[in-house]
Amino acid sequence: MDSSTNLPSGIPFSQISIMQNMGVIDYCRTSAAVASGCTAGILGLTGIYGFIFYFIFGALVSLALAVAIGKDWQKYFISKKQFVTHGYIGGVFTYILFWTFLYGMVHVY
């Protein structure tokens, strides 16, 4: 077992391809954060309900990615945790931006 990559030694992989796959996951999460932020703002969610909405939506995105990748996740990622959690917390800022913007546009003005 190679300790730096958590892969069994002798299995070839392309670091560039793995980074590209992580970029695709990041793009999916950012798009989902925008969509869920807009939805929460239009629905008028405030406070803890807005954050709960984001984490539920994020869990659904993780589930959809896991289903789309299937059992062959080893071909595309080093660990399963990478594609399930990558970008989850970073998307909060994008979510808050669109959540507050749409809430203000629909319910305040």
N, C-alpha and C. Protein backbone atom coordinates (compact mmCIF):
# COMPACT_ATOMS: atom_id res chain seq x y z
N MET A 1 0.85 -1.17 0.00
CA MET A 1 0.00 0.00 0.00
C MET A 1 0.89 1.23 0.00
N ASP A 2 0.66 2.13 -0.90
CA ASP A 2 1.42 3.37 -0.96
C ASP A 2 0.78 4.37 0.00
N SER A 3 1.52 4.83 1.00
CA SER A 3 0.94 5.68 2.05
C SER A 3 0.60 7.09 1.56
N SER A 4 1.24 7.56 0.50
CA SER A 4 0.97 8.93 0.04
C SER A 4 -0.32 9.04 -0.76
N THR A 5 -0.74 7.95 -1.41
CA THR A 5 -1.94 8.01 -2.25
C THR A 5 -3.05 7.08 -1.79
N ASN A 6 -2.80 6.23 -0.79
CA ASN A 6 -3.77 5.26 -0.30
C ASN A 6 -4.19 4.26 -1.37
N LEU A 7 -3.35 4.06 -2.37
CA LEU A 7 -3.62 3.08 -3.42
C LEU A 7 -2.71 1.88 -3.23
N PRO A 8 -3.19 0.71 -3.58
CA PRO A 8 -2.28 -0.43 -3.57
C PRO A 8 -1.16 -0.17 -4.56
N SER A 9 0.05 -0.50 -4.18
CA SER A 9 1.18 -0.24 -5.06
C SER A 9 1.03 -1.08 -6.33
N GLY A 10 1.42 -0.50 -7.43
CA GLY A 10 1.35 -1.18 -8.71
C GLY A 10 0.14 -0.82 -9.55
N ILE A 11 -0.81 -0.07 -9.00
CA ILE A 11 -1.98 0.33 -9.78
C ILE A 11 -1.68 1.69 -10.41
N PRO A 12 -1.65 1.74 -11.73
CA PRO A 12 -1.35 3.03 -12.37
C PRO A 12 -2.55 3.96 -12.33
N PHE A 13 -2.29 5.24 -12.19
CA PHE A 13 -3.34 6.24 -12.26
C PHE A 13 -2.75 7.54 -12.78
N SER A 14 -3.59 8.37 -13.33
CA SER A 14 -3.16 9.65 -13.88
C SER A 14 -3.60 10.76 -12.93
N GLN A 15 -2.63 11.45 -12.37
CA GLN A 15 -2.95 12.54 -11.44
C GLN A 15 -3.71 13.65 -12.16
N ILE A 16 -3.39 13.90 -13.42
CA ILE A 16 -4.08 14.94 -14.19
C ILE A 16 -5.56 14.58 -14.37
N SER A 17 -5.83 13.31 -14.66
CA SER A 17 -7.23 12.89 -14.82
C SER A 17 -8.00 12.98 -13.52
N ILE A 18 -7.36 12.63 -12.42
CA ILE A 18 -8.03 12.72 -11.12
C ILE A 18 -8.33 14.18 -10.79
N MET A 19 -7.39 15.07 -11.07
CA MET A 19 -7.63 16.49 -10.83
C MET A 19 -8.75 17.01 -11.72
N GLN A 20 -8.80 16.54 -12.94
CA GLN A 20 -9.87 16.96 -13.86
C GLN A 20 -11.22 16.45 -13.35
N ASN A 21 -11.26 15.22 -12.86
CA ASN A 21 -12.50 14.68 -12.30
C ASN A 21 -12.95 15.46 -11.08
N MET A 22 -12.01 15.87 -10.24
CA MET A 22 -12.35 16.69 -9.08
C MET A 22 -12.89 18.06 -9.52
N GLY A 23 -12.37 18.59 -10.62
CA GLY A 23 -12.89 19.84 -11.17
C GLY A 23 -14.33 19.70 -11.62
N VAL A 24 -14.66 18.57 -12.21
CA VAL A 24 -16.04 18.31 -12.62
C VAL A 24 -16.96 18.23 -11.41
N ILE A 25 -16.50 17.55 -10.35
CA ILE A 25 -17.28 17.48 -9.11
C ILE A 25 -17.48 18.87 -8.52
N ASP A 26 -16.42 19.67 -8.53
CA ASP A 26 -16.51 21.03 -8.01
C ASP A 26 -17.51 21.86 -8.81
N TYR A 27 -17.51 21.71 -10.14
CA TYR A 27 -18.46 22.41 -11.00
C TYR A 27 -19.89 21.98 -10.68
N CYS A 28 -20.10 20.68 -10.47
CA CYS A 28 -21.44 20.18 -10.13
C CYS A 28 -21.91 20.77 -8.80
N ARG A 29 -21.04 20.79 -7.82
CA ARG A 29 -21.41 21.32 -6.51
C ARG A 29 -21.68 22.83 -6.56
N THR A 30 -20.87 23.56 -7.33
CA THR A 30 -21.10 25.00 -7.46
C THR A 30 -22.44 25.28 -8.15
N SER A 31 -22.72 24.53 -9.20
CA SER A 31 -24.01 24.69 -9.90
C SER A 31 -25.17 24.35 -8.99
N ALA A 32 -25.01 23.30 -8.19
CA ALA A 32 -26.06 22.91 -7.25
C ALA A 32 -26.24 23.97 -6.16
N ALA A 33 -25.14 24.58 -5.72
CA ALA A 33 -25.23 25.63 -4.70
C ALA A 33 -25.97 26.85 -5.26
N VAL A 34 -25.72 27.19 -6.51
CA VAL A 34 -26.43 28.30 -7.15
C VAL A 34 -27.92 27.98 -7.25
N ALA A 35 -28.23 26.78 -7.74
CA ALA A 35 -29.64 26.40 -7.91
C ALA A 35 -30.37 26.35 -6.57
N SER A 36 -29.74 25.76 -5.57
CA SER A 36 -30.41 25.67 -4.27
C SER A 36 -30.50 27.04 -3.59
N GLY A 37 -29.50 27.89 -3.77
CA GLY A 37 -29.56 29.24 -3.22
C GLY A 37 -30.68 30.06 -3.83
N CYS A 38 -30.82 29.95 -5.15
CA CYS A 38 -31.92 30.65 -5.83
C CYS A 38 -33.27 30.13 -5.35
N THR A 39 -33.37 28.82 -5.22
CA THR A 39 -34.63 28.22 -4.77
C THR A 39 -34.97 28.65 -3.35
N ALA A 40 -33.98 28.62 -2.46
CA ALA A 40 -34.23 29.03 -1.07
C ALA A 40 -34.61 30.50 -0.99
N GLY A 41 -33.98 31.35 -1.80
CA GLY A 41 -34.31 32.76 -1.80
C GLY A 41 -35.71 33.03 -2.30
N ILE A 42 -36.09 32.35 -3.37
CA ILE A 42 -37.43 32.53 -3.92
C ILE A 42 -38.50 31.99 -2.97
N LEU A 43 -38.20 30.87 -2.32
CA LEU A 43 -39.16 30.30 -1.36
C LEU A 43 -39.26 31.12 -0.09
N GLY A 44 -38.30 31.99 0.15
CA GLY A 44 -38.33 32.84 1.33
C GLY A 44 -37.84 32.16 2.60
N LEU A 45 -36.99 31.16 2.45
CA LEU A 45 -36.46 30.49 3.63
C LEU A 45 -35.51 31.42 4.37
N THR A 46 -35.61 31.42 5.69
CA THR A 46 -34.73 32.28 6.50
C THR A 46 -34.15 31.46 7.64
N GLY A 47 -33.05 31.93 8.17
CA GLY A 47 -32.43 31.33 9.35
C GLY A 47 -31.96 29.91 9.13
N ILE A 48 -32.20 29.11 10.13
CA ILE A 48 -31.71 27.73 10.12
C ILE A 48 -32.36 26.90 9.03
N TYR A 49 -33.59 27.24 8.63
CA TYR A 49 -34.27 26.49 7.58
C TYR A 49 -33.54 26.61 6.24
N GLY A 50 -32.95 27.76 6.00
CA GLY A 50 -32.17 27.94 4.78
C GLY A 50 -30.93 27.07 4.77
N PHE A 51 -30.25 26.98 5.91
CA PHE A 51 -29.05 26.15 5.98
C PHE A 51 -29.39 24.66 5.92
N ILE A 52 -30.48 24.29 6.56
CA ILE A 52 -30.93 22.89 6.48
C ILE A 52 -31.24 22.53 5.04
N PHE A 53 -31.86 23.46 4.31
CA PHE A 53 -32.18 23.24 2.91
C PHE A 53 -30.90 22.99 2.11
N TYR A 54 -29.85 23.76 2.37
CA TYR A 54 -28.59 23.59 1.65
C TYR A 54 -27.98 22.21 1.93
N PHE A 55 -27.96 21.81 3.18
CA PHE A 55 -27.33 20.54 3.51
C PHE A 55 -28.15 19.35 3.01
N ILE A 56 -29.46 19.47 2.96
CA ILE A 56 -30.28 18.42 2.37
C ILE A 56 -30.04 18.36 0.87
N PHE A 57 -30.00 19.52 0.23
CA PHE A 57 -29.76 19.57 -1.22
C PHE A 57 -28.35 19.03 -1.52
N GLY A 58 -27.37 19.37 -0.69
CA GLY A 58 -26.02 18.87 -0.87
C GLY A 58 -25.93 17.36 -0.72
N ALA A 59 -26.69 16.82 0.22
CA ALA A 59 -26.72 15.37 0.40
C ALA A 59 -27.35 14.69 -0.82
N LEU A 60 -28.37 15.31 -1.39
CA LEU A 60 -28.98 14.76 -2.61
C LEU A 60 -28.01 14.80 -3.78
N VAL A 61 -27.22 15.86 -3.87
CA VAL A 61 -26.21 15.95 -4.93
C VAL A 61 -25.15 14.87 -4.75
N SER A 62 -24.72 14.65 -3.50
CA SER A 62 -23.75 13.58 -3.23
C SER A 62 -24.31 12.22 -3.61
N LEU A 63 -25.57 12.00 -3.29
CA LEU A 63 -26.21 10.74 -3.64
C LEU A 63 -26.31 10.58 -5.16
N ALA A 64 -26.68 11.65 -5.85
CA ALA A 64 -26.76 11.59 -7.31
C ALA A 64 -25.40 11.32 -7.94
N LEU A 65 -24.36 11.94 -7.41
CA LEU A 65 -23.01 11.69 -7.93
C LEU A 65 -22.58 10.26 -7.67
N ALA A 66 -22.90 9.74 -6.49
CA ALA A 66 -22.54 8.36 -6.17
C ALA A 66 -23.26 7.38 -7.09
N VAL A 67 -24.52 7.65 -7.38
CA VAL A 67 -25.28 6.79 -8.28
C VAL A 67 -24.73 6.89 -9.70
N ALA A 68 -24.40 8.11 -10.13
CA ALA A 68 -23.87 8.30 -11.49
C ALA A 68 -22.51 7.63 -11.67
N ILE A 69 -21.67 7.68 -10.65
CA ILE A 69 -20.35 7.08 -10.74
C ILE A 69 -20.43 5.57 -10.60
N GLY A 70 -21.32 5.11 -9.76
CA GLY A 70 -21.53 3.67 -9.60
C GLY A 70 -20.43 2.98 -8.84
N LYS A 71 -20.26 1.70 -9.13
CA LYS A 71 -19.28 0.89 -8.42
C LYS A 71 -17.87 1.05 -8.97
N ASP A 72 -17.71 1.77 -10.05
CA ASP A 72 -16.40 1.95 -10.67
C ASP A 72 -15.70 3.23 -10.23
N TRP A 73 -15.94 3.67 -9.00
CA TRP A 73 -15.36 4.92 -8.53
C TRP A 73 -13.84 4.86 -8.47
N GLN A 74 -13.26 3.67 -8.35
CA GLN A 74 -11.81 3.55 -8.28
C GLN A 74 -11.15 3.97 -9.59
N LYS A 75 -11.87 3.91 -10.69
CA LYS A 75 -11.32 4.34 -11.97
C LYS A 75 -11.12 5.84 -12.04
N TYR A 76 -11.89 6.59 -11.27
CA TYR A 76 -11.92 8.03 -11.42
C TYR A 76 -11.39 8.81 -10.22
N PHE A 77 -11.39 8.21 -9.02
CA PHE A 77 -10.99 8.90 -7.80
C PHE A 77 -10.12 8.00 -6.95
N ILE A 78 -9.32 8.62 -6.09
CA ILE A 78 -8.46 7.86 -5.20
C ILE A 78 -9.26 7.27 -4.04
N SER A 79 -10.18 8.06 -3.49
CA SER A 79 -11.00 7.55 -2.40
C SER A 79 -12.46 7.97 -2.61
N LYS A 80 -13.35 7.19 -2.03
CA LYS A 80 -14.78 7.48 -2.16
C LYS A 80 -15.14 8.78 -1.45
N LYS A 81 -14.43 9.08 -0.36
CA LYS A 81 -14.69 10.30 0.40
C LYS A 81 -14.47 11.55 -0.46
N GLN A 82 -13.55 11.46 -1.43
CA GLN A 82 -13.26 12.62 -2.28
C GLN A 82 -14.48 13.10 -3.04
N PHE A 83 -15.16 12.21 -3.73
CA PHE A 83 -16.27 12.69 -4.56
C PHE A 83 -17.54 12.90 -3.76
N VAL A 84 -17.61 12.37 -2.54
CA VAL A 84 -18.80 12.59 -1.72
C VAL A 84 -18.74 13.93 -1.00
N THR A 85 -17.55 14.32 -0.51
CA THR A 85 -17.47 15.51 0.33
C THR A 85 -16.74 16.69 -0.32
N HIS A 86 -16.08 16.49 -1.44
CA HIS A 86 -15.29 17.58 -2.04
C HIS A 86 -16.19 18.76 -2.43
N GLY A 87 -15.86 19.94 -1.96
CA GLY A 87 -16.59 21.15 -2.31
C GLY A 87 -17.89 21.37 -1.56
N TYR A 88 -18.20 20.49 -0.61
CA TYR A 88 -19.47 20.58 0.12
C TYR A 88 -19.53 21.84 0.97
N ILE A 89 -18.49 22.10 1.73
CA ILE A 89 -18.46 23.28 2.60
C ILE A 89 -18.15 24.54 1.79
N GLY A 90 -17.30 24.42 0.79
CA GLY A 90 -16.97 25.58 -0.05
C GLY A 90 -18.17 26.14 -0.80
N GLY A 91 -19.15 25.29 -1.08
CA GLY A 91 -20.34 25.74 -1.78
C GLY A 91 -21.27 26.57 -0.91
N VAL A 92 -21.05 26.57 0.39
CA VAL A 92 -21.89 27.35 1.30
C VAL A 92 -21.84 28.83 0.96
N PHE A 93 -20.67 29.33 0.61
CA PHE A 93 -20.53 30.76 0.31
C PHE A 93 -21.30 31.13 -0.96
N THR A 94 -21.23 30.29 -1.97
CA THR A 94 -21.99 30.53 -3.20
C THR A 94 -23.48 30.46 -2.90
N TYR A 95 -23.87 29.49 -2.09
CA TYR A 95 -25.27 29.33 -1.70
C TYR A 95 -25.78 30.58 -0.99
N ILE A 96 -25.03 31.07 -0.01
CA ILE A 96 -25.44 32.26 0.74
C ILE A 96 -25.56 33.47 -0.18
N LEU A 97 -24.63 33.61 -1.10
CA LEU A 97 -24.68 34.74 -2.04
C LEU A 97 -25.98 34.75 -2.82
N PHE A 98 -26.33 33.62 -3.42
CA PHE A 98 -27.56 33.58 -4.24
C PHE A 98 -28.82 33.54 -3.37
N TRP A 99 -28.73 32.93 -2.21
CA TRP A 99 -29.86 32.89 -1.30
C TRP A 99 -30.26 34.29 -0.87
N THR A 100 -29.29 35.09 -0.43
CA THR A 100 -29.61 36.44 0.04
C THR A 100 -29.98 37.36 -1.11
N PHE A 101 -29.33 37.19 -2.26
CA PHE A 101 -29.65 38.04 -3.41
C PHE A 101 -31.09 37.82 -3.87
N LEU A 102 -31.48 36.57 -4.07
CA LEU A 102 -32.84 36.31 -4.54
C LEU A 102 -33.88 36.59 -3.47
N TYR A 103 -33.54 36.35 -2.21
CA TYR A 103 -34.47 36.69 -1.15
C TYR A 103 -34.73 38.19 -1.15
N GLY A 104 -33.68 38.96 -1.28
CA GLY A 104 -33.83 40.43 -1.31
C GLY A 104 -34.62 40.90 -2.52
N MET A 105 -34.36 40.30 -3.67
CA MET A 105 -35.06 40.72 -4.90
C MET A 105 -36.56 40.36 -4.86
N VAL A 106 -36.88 39.22 -4.30
CA VAL A 106 -38.27 38.77 -4.31
C VAL A 106 -39.07 39.28 -3.13
N HIS A 107 -38.50 39.23 -1.94
CA HIS A 107 -39.27 39.51 -0.73
C HIS A 107 -39.05 40.88 -0.12
N VAL A 108 -37.96 41.55 -0.45
CA VAL A 108 -37.70 42.85 0.15
C VAL A 108 -38.10 43.98 -0.80
N TYR A 109 -37.72 43.86 -2.07
CA TYR A 109 -37.97 44.96 -3.00
C TYR A 109 -39.23 44.77 -3.76
